Amino acid sequence: MTKSFSVQSPESAMRLWVNEVSRVFHDRLINNEDRRWFTEHVTELVNNGFRIKVEHDELFINERPRWGDLLKLEAPTPLYEEIKDLTKLKKTLVDQLDDFNMSGSNKMNLVFFDDCIEHILRIARVLRQPRGNAMLIGVGGSGKQSVTRLASSMLKIMFRQVEITKNYGPDQFKEFVKELMFSAGIDGTPISFVLTDTQIIDESFLEDINNVLNTGEIPNLME
């Protein structure tokens, strides 16, 4: 998908770089000790490589970078820009949530606190990438599927999940994935496919998903 970047100064370029390396590396770290090491190391790289004097807390606590293309959703070409006005972003999210609740039966009641907003930006960034994928980790009921539904709706991407029935098994799962591939590959319909741990009722589901992530296809799926 074509995307434009809004980088207007060396400082803006630095904050874009910090955001992107944070998404690639920081989001995969699992404890505060590793996250602190990462943010301190990035601060050092910024001071040395970009020659921009910046303090750790200024960059990662007080004014941490937030980039996304959710403020101008109707633009012909998505504009990936730094979002400094959180009030404006929250209003956009509230309006989009209202539109979502009015257009379907699966109504959601979300509270847009800072961490929730940043998760939505992360998910939207993944959905914009070709074959983008993410593992959403957290306790049940924490809103992982809800924020994914909202991000998908905002980007005009179809949200799909398997519907587990009594006799559901590997054959039915393969048929479902085949349907998704026809919709995405032939009809050109962008699809956000979410699979939860409770829906993995057979180990072969994981093997099929692993093949899709690694090669983009499942062996012997098509005749």
C-alpha atoms as a PDB file:
ATOM      1  CA  MET A   1       0.000   0.000   0.000  1.00  0.00           C
ATOM      2  CA  THR A   2       1.369   3.409  -1.010  1.00  0.00           C
ATOM      3  CA  LYS A   3       2.206   5.607   1.958  1.00  0.00           C
ATOM      4  CA  SER A   4       3.631   9.107   2.375  1.00  0.00           C
ATOM      5  CA  PHE A   5       5.844  10.216   5.249  1.00  0.00           C
ATOM      6  CA  SER A   6       5.707  13.613   6.891  1.00  0.00           C
ATOM      7  CA  VAL A   7       9.314  14.351   7.969  1.00  0.00           C
ATOM      8  CA  GLN A   8      10.036  18.051   8.166  1.00  0.00           C
ATOM      9  CA  SER A   9      13.276  18.371  10.159  1.00  0.00           C
ATOM     10  CA  PRO A  10      16.256  16.374  11.486  1.00  0.00           C
ATOM     11  CA  GLU A  11      14.485  16.128  14.839  1.00  0.00           C
ATOM     12  CA  SER A  12      11.363  14.767  13.138  1.00  0.00           C
ATOM     13  CA  ALA A  13      13.505  12.205  11.279  1.00  0.00           C
ATOM     14  CA  MET A  14      15.104  11.206  14.568  1.00  0.00           C
ATOM     15  CA  ARG A  15      11.720  10.720  16.238  1.00  0.00           C
ATOM     16  CA  LEU A  16      10.528   8.632  13.278  1.00  0.00           C
ATOM     17  CA  TRP A  17      13.627   6.431  13.612  1.00  0.00           C
ATOM     18  CA  VAL A  18      13.072   6.054  17.363  1.00  0.00           C
ATOM     19  CA  ASN A  19       9.448   5.069  16.770  1.00  0.00           C
ATOM     20  CA  GLU A  20      10.288   2.476  14.125  1.00  0.00           C
ATOM     21  CA  VAL A  21      13.124   0.776  16.042  1.00  0.00           C
ATOM     22  CA  SER A  22      10.858   0.750  19.095  1.00  0.00           C
ATOM     23  CA  ARG A  23       8.126  -1.027  17.137  1.00  0.00           C
ATOM     24  CA  VAL A  24      10.595  -3.570  15.750  1.00  0.00           C
ATOM     25  CA  PHE A  25      12.545  -4.301  18.944  1.00  0.00           C
ATOM     26  CA  HIS A  26      10.996  -2.686  22.055  1.00  0.00           C
ATOM     27  CA  ASP A  27       7.552  -4.225  21.488  1.00  0.00           C
ATOM     28  CA  ARG A  28       9.091  -7.703  21.631  1.00  0.00           C
ATOM     29  CA  LEU A  29      10.754  -7.241  25.028  1.00  0.00           C
ATOM     30  CA  ILE A  30       9.047  -8.867  27.997  1.00  0.00           C
ATOM     31  CA  ASN A  31      10.420  -7.185  31.128  1.00  0.00           C
ATOM     32  CA  ASN A  32      11.161  -3.685  32.386  1.00  0.00           C
ATOM     33  CA  GLU A  33      14.890  -4.338  32.750  1.00  0.00           C
ATOM     34  CA  ASP A  34      15.287  -5.107  29.029  1.00  0.00           C
ATOM     35  CA  ARG A  35      13.011  -2.224  28.044  1.00  0.00           C
ATOM     36  CA  ARG A  36      15.079   0.202  30.128  1.00  0.00           C
ATOM     37  CA  TRP A  37      18.300  -1.088  28.553  1.00  0.00           C
ATOM     38  CA  PHE A  38      16.792  -0.553  25.116  1.00  0.00           C
ATOM     39  CA  THR A  39      15.564   2.993  25.746  1.00  0.00           C
ATOM     40  CA  GLU A  40      18.881   4.048  27.301  1.00  0.00           C
ATOM     41  CA  HIS A  41      20.812   2.544  24.383  1.00  0.00           C
ATOM     42  CA  VAL A  42      18.574   4.299  21.830  1.00  0.00           C
ATOM     43  CA  THR A  43      19.009   7.593  23.684  1.00  0.00           C
ATOM     44  CA  GLU A  44      22.775   7.164  23.436  1.00  0.00           C
ATOM     45  CA  LEU A  45      22.544   6.362  19.704  1.00  0.00           C
ATOM     46  CA  VAL A  46      20.402   9.442  19.121  1.00  0.00           C
ATOM     47  CA  ASN A  47      22.893  11.715  20.896  1.00  0.00           C
ATOM     48  CA  ASN A  48      25.833  10.244  18.978  1.00  0.00           C
ATOM     49  CA  GLY A  49      24.349   9.430  15.564  1.00  0.00           C
ATOM     50  CA  PHE A  50      21.854  12.245  15.032  1.00  0.00           C
ATOM     51  CA  ARG A  51      23.908  14.741  17.054  1.00  0.00           C
ATOM     52  CA  ILE A  52      20.723  15.886  18.772  1.00  0.00           C
ATOM     53  CA  LYS A  53      21.051  16.390  22.511  1.00  0.00           C
ATOM     54  CA  VAL A  54      18.109  14.720  24.191  1.00  0.00           C
ATOM     55  CA  GLU A  55      17.461  13.287  27.649  1.00  0.00           C
ATOM     56  CA  HIS A  56      16.101   9.782  28.201  1.00  0.00           C
ATOM     57  CA  ASP A  57      12.937  10.843  30.037  1.00  0.00           C
ATOM     58  CA  GLU A  58      12.211  13.566  27.509  1.00  0.00           C
ATOM     59  CA  LEU A  59      12.297  11.058  24.656  1.00  0.00           C
ATOM     60  CA  PHE A  60      10.612   8.034  26.217  1.00  0.00           C
ATOM     61  CA  ILE A  61       8.396   9.362  29.009  1.00  0.00           C
ATOM     62  CA  ASN A  62       7.460  13.022  28.647  1.00  0.00           C
ATOM     63  CA  GLU A  63       7.287  13.326  24.852  1.00  0.00           C
ATOM     64  CA  ARG A  64       7.607   9.805  23.467  1.00  0.00           C
ATOM     65  CA  PRO A  65       7.115   9.582  19.693  1.00  0.00           C
ATOM     66  CA  ARG A  66       3.739   8.448  18.376  1.00  0.00           C
ATOM     67  CA  TRP A  67       3.464   7.936  14.622  1.00  0.00           C
ATOM     68  CA  GLY A  68       0.522   6.782  12.575  1.00  0.00           C
ATOM     69  CA  ASP A  69      -1.850   7.553   9.717  1.00  0.00           C
ATOM     70  CA  LEU A  70      -5.131   7.643  11.640  1.00  0.00           C
ATOM     71  CA  LEU A  71      -5.725  11.403  11.665  1.00  0.00           C
ATOM     72  CA  LYS A  72      -6.418  11.722   7.924  1.00  0.00           C
ATOM     73  CA  LEU A  73      -8.207   8.498   7.089  1.00  0.00           C
ATOM     74  CA  GLU A  74      -9.994   9.913   4.049  1.00  0.00           C
ATOM     75  CA  ALA A  75      -6.776  11.040   2.330  1.00  0.00           C
ATOM     76  CA  PRO A  76      -6.144   9.331  -1.063  1.00  0.00           C
ATOM     77  CA  THR A  77      -2.647   8.381   0.125  1.00  0.00           C
ATOM     78  CA  PRO A  78      -2.214   7.553   3.845  1.00  0.00           C
ATOM     79  CA  LEU A  79       0.036  10.091   5.560  1.00  0.00           C
ATOM     80  CA  TYR A  80       2.332   8.524   8.149  1.00  0.00           C
ATOM     81  CA  GLU A  81       3.038  11.416  10.506  1.00  0.00           C
ATOM     82  CA  GLU A  82       3.949  12.113  14.096  1.00  0.00           C
ATOM     83  CA  ILE A  83       0.858  12.561  16.233  1.00  0.00           C
ATOM     84  CA  LYS A  84       1.575  15.219  18.846  1.00  0.00           C
ATOM     85  CA  ASP A  85      -2.009  16.249  19.630  1.00  0.00           C
ATOM     86  CA  LEU A  86      -3.426  13.373  21.690  1.00  0.00           C
ATOM     87  CA  THR A  87      -6.695  15.247  22.202  1.00  0.00           C
ATOM     88  CA  LYS A  88      -7.272  15.289  18.453  1.00  0.00           C
ATOM     89  CA  LEU A  89      -6.378  11.605  18.160  1.00  0.00           C
ATOM     90  CA  LYS A  90      -8.740  10.673  21.007  1.00  0.00           C
ATOM     91  CA  LYS A  91     -11.565  12.581  19.320  1.00  0.00           C
ATOM     92  CA  THR A  92     -10.864  10.721  16.072  1.00  0.00           C
ATOM     93  CA  LEU A  93     -10.944   7.381  17.898  1.00  0.00           C
ATOM     94  CA  VAL A  94     -14.171   8.245  19.724  1.00  0.00           C
ATOM     95  CA  ASP A  95     -15.832   9.280  16.447  1.00  0.00           C
ATOM     96  CA  GLN A  96     -14.640   6.102  14.722  1.00  0.00           C
ATOM     97  CA  LEU A  97     -15.881   3.969  17.627  1.00  0.00           C
ATOM     98  CA  ASP A  98     -19.290   5.636  17.395  1.00  0.00           C
ATOM     99  CA  ASP A  99     -19.390   4.900  13.647  1.00  0.00           C
ATOM    100  CA  PHE A 100     -18.412   1.274  14.323  1.00  0.00           C
ATOM    101  CA  ASN A 101     -21.129   0.827  16.959  1.00  0.00           C
ATOM    102  CA  MET A 102     -23.783   2.320  14.688  1.00  0.00           C
ATOM    103  CA  SER A 103     -22.845   0.178  11.693  1.00  0.00           C
ATOM    104  CA  GLY A 104     -22.872  -3.280  13.282  1.00  0.00           C
ATOM    105  CA  SER A 105     -24.315  -5.469  16.007  1.00  0.00           C
ATOM    106  CA  ASN A 106     -20.985  -6.143  17.801  1.00  0.00           C
ATOM    107  CA  LYS A 107     -20.945  -2.943  19.844  1.00  0.00           C
ATOM    108  CA  MET A 108     -17.834  -2.094  21.857  1.00  0.00           C
ATOM    109  CA  ASN A 109     -17.310   0.186  24.841  1.00  0.00           C
ATOM    110  CA  LEU A 110     -13.664   1.266  24.887  1.00  0.00           C
ATOM    111  CA  VAL A 111     -11.809   3.702  27.132  1.00  0.00           C
ATOM    112  CA  PHE A 112      -8.987   5.403  25.234  1.00  0.00           C
ATOM    113  CA  PHE A 113      -6.270   5.708  27.880  1.00  0.00           C
ATOM    114  CA  ASP A 114      -2.681   6.221  26.714  1.00  0.00           C
ATOM    115  CA  ASP A 115      -1.669   2.546  26.516  1.00  0.00           C
ATOM    116  CA  CYS A 116      -4.852   1.675  24.596  1.00  0.00           C
ATOM    117  CA  ILE A 117      -4.136   4.445  22.081  1.00  0.00           C
ATOM    118  CA  GLU A 118      -0.562   3.253  21.581  1.00  0.00           C
ATOM    119  CA  HIS A 119      -1.762  -0.327  21.033  1.00  0.00           C
ATOM    120  CA  ILE A 120      -4.157   0.911  18.342  1.00  0.00           C
ATOM    121  CA  LEU A 121      -1.306   2.773  16.630  1.00  0.00           C
ATOM    122  CA  ARG A 122       0.850  -0.372  16.765  1.00  0.00           C
ATOM    123  CA  ILE A 123      -1.889  -2.568  15.314  1.00  0.00           C
ATOM    124  CA  ALA A 124      -2.734  -0.054  12.579  1.00  0.00           C
ATOM    125  CA  ARG A 125       0.951   0.081  11.621  1.00  0.00           C
ATOM    126  CA  VAL A 126       1.023  -3.724  11.293  1.00  0.00           C
ATOM    127  CA  LEU A 127      -2.201  -3.811   9.258  1.00  0.00           C
ATOM    128  CA  ARG A 128      -0.743  -1.314   6.779  1.00  0.00           C
ATOM    129  CA  GLN A 129       2.191  -3.614   6.001  1.00  0.00           C
ATOM    130  CA  PRO A 130       2.013  -6.319   3.300  1.00  0.00           C
ATOM    131  CA  ARG A 131       1.401  -9.631   5.140  1.00  0.00           C
ATOM    132  CA  GLY A 132       1.788  -7.703   8.396  1.00  0.00           C
ATOM    133  CA  ASN A 133       1.298  -9.832  11.490  1.00  0.00           C
ATOM    134  CA  ALA A 134       1.459  -9.476  15.255  1.00  0.00           C
ATOM    135  CA  MET A 135       1.117 -11.611  18.354  1.00  0.00           C
ATOM    136  CA  LEU A 136      -1.152  -9.897  20.890  1.00  0.00           C
ATOM    137  CA  ILE A 137      -0.286 -11.062  24.386  1.00  0.00           C
ATOM    138  CA  GLY A 138      -2.332 -10.336  27.506  1.00  0.00           C
ATOM    139  CA  VAL A 139      -4.944 -11.695  29.876  1.00  0.00           C
ATOM    140  CA  GLY A 140      -8.355 -12.557  28.503  1.00  0.00           C
ATOM    141  CA  GLY A 141     -10.788  -9.672  28.318  1.00  0.00           C
ATOM    142  CA  SER A 142      -8.102  -6.968  28.199  1.00  0.00           C
ATOM    143  CA  GLY A 143      -9.333  -5.663  24.844  1.00  0.00           C
ATOM    144  CA  LYS A 144      -6.869  -7.142  22.348  1.00  0.00           C
ATOM    145  CA  GLN A 145      -9.563  -8.220  19.898  1.00  0.00           C
ATOM    146  CA  SER A 146     -11.587  -5.040  20.420  1.00  0.00           C
ATOM    147  CA  VAL A 147      -8.754  -2.667  19.524  1.00  0.00           C
ATOM    148  CA  THR A 148      -7.945  -4.860  16.515  1.00  0.00           C
ATOM    149  CA  ARG A 149     -11.571  -4.669  15.385  1.00  0.00           C
ATOM    150  CA  LEU A 150     -11.511  -0.893  15.731  1.00  0.00           C
ATOM    151  CA  ALA A 151      -8.185  -0.468  13.909  1.00  0.00           C
ATOM    152  CA  SER A 152      -9.415  -2.741  11.107  1.00  0.00           C
ATOM    153  CA  SER A 153     -12.641  -0.779  10.814  1.00  0.00           C
ATOM    154  CA  MET A 154     -10.775   2.542  10.675  1.00  0.00           C
ATOM    155  CA  LEU A 155      -8.548   1.273   7.846  1.00  0.00           C
ATOM    156  CA  LYS A 156     -11.489  -0.265   5.943  1.00  0.00           C
ATOM    157  CA  ILE A 157     -10.118  -3.788   6.443  1.00  0.00           C
ATOM    158  CA  MET A 158     -12.483  -6.740   6.835  1.00  0.00           C
ATOM    159  CA  PHE A 159     -12.206  -8.400  10.269  1.00  0.00           C
ATOM    160  CA  ARG A 160     -12.530 -12.188  10.205  1.00  0.00           C
ATOM    161  CA  GLN A 161     -12.377 -14.978  12.799  1.00  0.00           C
ATOM    162  CA  VAL A 162     -13.129 -18.676  12.700  1.00  0.00           C
ATOM    163  CA  GLU A 163     -16.429 -19.814  14.177  1.00  0.00           C
ATOM    164  CA  ILE A 164     -15.782 -23.002  16.129  1.00  0.00           C
ATOM    165  CA  THR A 165     -18.627 -25.518  15.897  1.00  0.00           C
ATOM    166  CA  LYS A 166     -19.064 -29.025  17.278  1.00  0.00           C
ATOM    167  CA  ASN A 167     -17.429 -30.849  14.361  1.00  0.00           C
ATOM    168  CA  TYR A 168     -14.922 -28.146  13.447  1.00  0.00           C
ATOM    169  CA  GLY A 169     -11.501 -29.551  12.546  1.00  0.00           C
ATOM    170  CA  PRO A 170      -8.445 -29.200  10.273  1.00  0.00           C
ATOM    171  CA  ASP A 171     -10.436 -29.651   7.048  1.00  0.00           C
ATOM    172  CA  GLN A 172     -12.880 -26.892   7.974  1.00  0.00           C
ATOM    173  CA  PHE A 173     -10.000 -24.621   9.002  1.00  0.00           C
ATOM    174  CA  LYS A 174      -8.231 -25.144   5.679  1.00  0.00           C
ATOM    175  CA  GLU A 175     -11.433 -24.317   3.810  1.00  0.00           C
ATOM    176  CA  PHE A 176     -11.792 -21.148   5.861  1.00  0.00           C
ATOM    177  CA  VAL A 177      -8.208 -20.085   5.122  1.00  0.00           C
ATOM    178  CA  LYS A 178      -8.769 -20.886   1.428  1.00  0.00           C
ATOM    179  CA  GLU A 179     -11.806 -18.586   1.480  1.00  0.00           C
ATOM    180  CA  LEU A 180      -9.694 -15.809   3.014  1.00  0.00           C
ATOM    181  CA  MET A 181      -7.005 -16.282   0.356  1.00  0.00           C
ATOM    182  CA  PHE A 182      -9.530 -16.093  -2.480  1.00  0.00           C
ATOM    183  CA  SER A 183     -11.008 -12.919  -0.991  1.00  0.00           C
ATOM    184  CA  ALA A 184      -7.620 -11.276  -0.470  1.00  0.00           C
ATOM    185  CA  GLY A 185      -5.795 -12.564  -3.532  1.00  0.00           C
ATOM    186  CA  ILE A 186      -8.501 -12.590  -6.202  1.00  0.00           C
ATOM    187  CA  ASP A 187     -11.120 -10.090  -5.027  1.00  0.00           C
ATOM    188  CA  GLY A 188      -8.477  -7.780  -3.543  1.00  0.00           C
ATOM    189  CA  THR A 189     -10.293  -7.445  -0.217  1.00  0.00           C
ATOM    190  CA  PRO A 190      -7.962  -6.440   2.656  1.00  0.00           C
ATOM    191  CA  ILE A 191      -8.523  -8.860   5.543  1.00  0.00           C
ATOM    192  CA  SER A 192      -7.562  -8.780   9.207  1.00  0.00           C
ATOM    193  CA  PHE A 193      -7.594 -12.396  10.427  1.00  0.00           C
ATOM    194  CA  VAL A 194      -7.477 -12.913  14.184  1.00  0.00           C
ATOM    195  CA  LEU A 195      -6.960 -16.342  15.745  1.00  0.00           C
ATOM    196  CA  THR A 196      -7.152 -16.689  19.534  1.00  0.00           C
ATOM    197  CA  ASP A 197      -5.649 -19.419  21.690  1.00  0.00           C
ATOM    198  CA  THR A 198      -9.100 -20.836  22.506  1.00  0.00           C
ATOM    199  CA  GLN A 199      -9.790 -21.300  18.782  1.00  0.00           C
ATOM    200  CA  ILE A 200      -6.697 -23.482  18.277  1.00  0.00           C
ATOM    201  CA  ILE A 201      -8.462 -26.794  18.867  1.00  0.00           C
ATOM    202  CA  ASP A 202      -5.991 -28.758  16.746  1.00  0.00           C
ATOM    203  CA  GLU A 203      -2.204 -28.421  16.539  1.00  0.00           C
ATOM    204  CA  SER A 204      -2.386 -28.440  12.746  1.00  0.00           C
ATOM    205  CA  PHE A 205      -3.933 -24.943  12.941  1.00  0.00           C
ATOM    206  CA  LEU A 206      -0.587 -23.629  14.205  1.00  0.00           C
ATOM    207  CA  GLU A 207       1.316 -25.427  11.464  1.00  0.00           C
ATOM    208  CA  ASP A 208      -0.943 -23.891   8.814  1.00  0.00           C
ATOM    209  CA  ILE A 209      -0.596 -20.391  10.284  1.00  0.00           C
ATOM    210  CA  ASN A 210       3.168 -20.839  10.517  1.00  0.00           C
ATOM    211  CA  ASN A 211       3.277 -21.705   6.810  1.00  0.00           C
ATOM    212  CA  VAL A 212       1.228 -18.625   5.952  1.00  0.00           C
ATOM    213  CA  LEU A 213       3.576 -16.400   7.984  1.00  0.00           C
ATOM    214  CA  ASN A 214       6.739 -17.930   6.521  1.00  0.00           C
ATOM    215  CA  THR A 215       5.852 -18.488   2.872  1.00  0.00           C
ATOM    216  CA  GLY A 216       2.416 -16.957   2.340  1.00  0.00           C
ATOM    217  CA  GLU A 217       0.805 -20.292   1.487  1.00  0.00           C
ATOM    218  CA  ILE A 218      -0.220 -23.673   2.893  1.00  0.00           C
ATOM    219  CA  PRO A 219       1.129 -26.752   1.057  1.00  0.00           C
ATOM    220  CA  ASN A 220      -1.510 -28.701  -0.881  1.00  0.00           C
ATOM    221  CA  LEU A 221      -4.238 -26.211   0.067  1.00  0.00           C
ATOM    222  CA  MET A 222      -5.291 -25.674  -3.553  1.00  0.00           C
ATOM    223  CA  GLU A 223      -5.936 -28.357  -6.156  1.00  0.00           C
END
